[in-house]
Amino acid sequence: MQAQDIERLIEERLPGARAVVRGADGVHFEAVVISTAFAGHSLLQQHRLVYGALGDRLEREAIHALALKTYTPDAWQRQQSSDSRDDQNL
């Protein structure tokens, strides 16, 4: 499975989601997922929503690792603002 396939599955099956997935070896991936569906959910619940969107593909496609960072749109904006301020302090 390729990173683009994982992005597509997440975005198709998790309403309003935007996913960016990276991984060069086909079995280890990192994903940033932004979705309004995460509002009011704990981090664990957010990750379960993403895994639910992928269904059994994680096992069938022999994906060994998927590191997730999940954000609501508001949390993502705050994160980006914080990163900008940190870069200016370097």
Protein backbone atom coordinates (compact mmCIF):
# COMPACT_ATOMS: atom_id res chain seq x y z
CA MET A 1 0.00 0.00 0.00
CA GLN A 2 1.21 3.47 -0.85
CA ALA A 3 0.88 6.67 1.18
CA GLN A 4 -1.56 8.08 -1.39
CA ASP A 5 -3.83 5.05 -0.93
CA ILE A 6 -3.98 5.64 2.82
CA GLU A 7 -4.72 9.35 2.29
CA ARG A 8 -7.53 8.50 -0.12
CA LEU A 9 -9.12 5.95 2.23
CA ILE A 10 -9.05 8.33 5.18
CA GLU A 11 -10.45 11.24 3.18
CA GLU A 12 -13.18 9.12 1.56
CA ARG A 13 -14.32 7.40 4.75
CA LEU A 14 -13.90 10.14 7.36
CA PRO A 15 -16.23 13.02 6.44
CA GLY A 16 -14.51 16.36 5.97
CA ALA A 17 -11.04 14.95 6.64
CA ARG A 18 -7.80 16.14 5.12
CA ALA A 19 -4.90 13.69 5.38
CA VAL A 20 -1.21 13.96 4.61
CA VAL A 21 0.58 10.62 4.76
CA ARG A 22 4.28 9.97 4.35
CA GLY A 23 6.13 6.70 4.12
CA ALA A 24 8.76 5.48 1.72
CA ASP A 25 9.05 1.79 2.50
CA GLY A 26 5.43 0.69 2.09
CA VAL A 27 5.01 -0.62 5.64
CA HIS A 28 5.85 2.32 7.97
CA PHE A 29 3.83 5.52 7.67
CA GLU A 30 3.25 8.86 9.39
CA ALA A 31 -0.05 10.67 8.98
CA VAL A 32 -1.43 14.06 9.91
CA VAL A 33 -5.23 14.05 9.79
CA ILE A 34 -7.40 17.14 10.22
CA SER A 35 -11.14 16.65 10.62
CA THR A 36 -14.18 18.30 12.17
CA ALA A 37 -15.22 14.76 13.17
CA PHE A 38 -12.57 14.89 15.93
CA ALA A 39 -14.31 17.71 17.83
CA GLY A 40 -15.25 16.63 21.34
CA HIS A 41 -13.32 13.36 21.11
CA SER A 42 -10.28 12.28 23.10
CA LEU A 43 -7.01 11.59 21.30
CA LEU A 44 -7.66 7.84 21.58
CA GLN A 45 -11.15 8.25 20.08
CA GLN A 46 -9.71 10.36 17.25
CA HIS A 47 -7.18 7.66 16.42
CA ARG A 48 -9.90 5.02 16.51
CA LEU A 49 -11.89 7.05 13.98
CA VAL A 50 -8.90 7.02 11.62
CA TYR A 51 -8.27 3.31 12.12
CA GLY A 52 -11.97 2.70 11.53
CA ALA A 53 -11.72 4.57 8.23
CA LEU A 54 -8.92 2.25 7.18
CA GLY A 55 -10.84 -0.85 8.24
CA ASP A 56 -9.00 -4.12 7.93
CA ARG A 57 -6.68 -2.73 5.27
CA LEU A 58 -3.99 -2.18 7.91
CA GLU A 59 -3.77 -5.92 8.50
CA ARG A 60 -4.44 -7.10 4.94
CA GLU A 61 -1.88 -4.74 3.46
CA ALA A 62 0.77 -5.63 6.07
CA ILE A 63 1.19 -2.08 7.35
CA HIS A 64 3.50 -2.42 10.34
CA ALA A 65 3.26 1.09 11.73
CA LEU A 66 1.04 4.14 11.34
CA ALA A 67 2.08 7.09 13.49
CA LEU A 68 -0.87 9.47 13.79
CA LYS A 69 -1.22 13.13 14.61
CA THR A 70 -4.87 14.17 14.64
CA TYR A 71 -6.29 17.67 14.85
CA THR A 72 -9.58 19.50 14.63
CA PRO A 73 -9.35 22.42 12.16
CA ASP A 74 -9.09 24.87 15.08
CA ALA A 75 -6.34 22.86 16.78
CA TRP A 76 -4.48 22.65 13.46
CA GLN A 77 -4.61 26.45 13.08
CA ARG A 78 -3.25 26.89 16.61
CA GLN A 79 -0.48 24.36 15.88
CA GLN A 80 0.51 26.19 12.70
CA SER A 81 0.54 29.54 14.50
CA SER A 82 2.68 28.08 17.27
CA ASP A 83 5.13 26.60 14.76
CA SER A 84 5.44 29.99 13.04
CA ARG A 85 6.26 31.71 16.32
CA ASP A 86 8.80 29.01 17.19
CA ASP A 87 10.52 29.41 13.80
CA GLN A 88 10.81 33.16 14.34
CA ASN A 89 12.60 32.55 17.65
CA LEU A 90 15.38 30.47 16.06
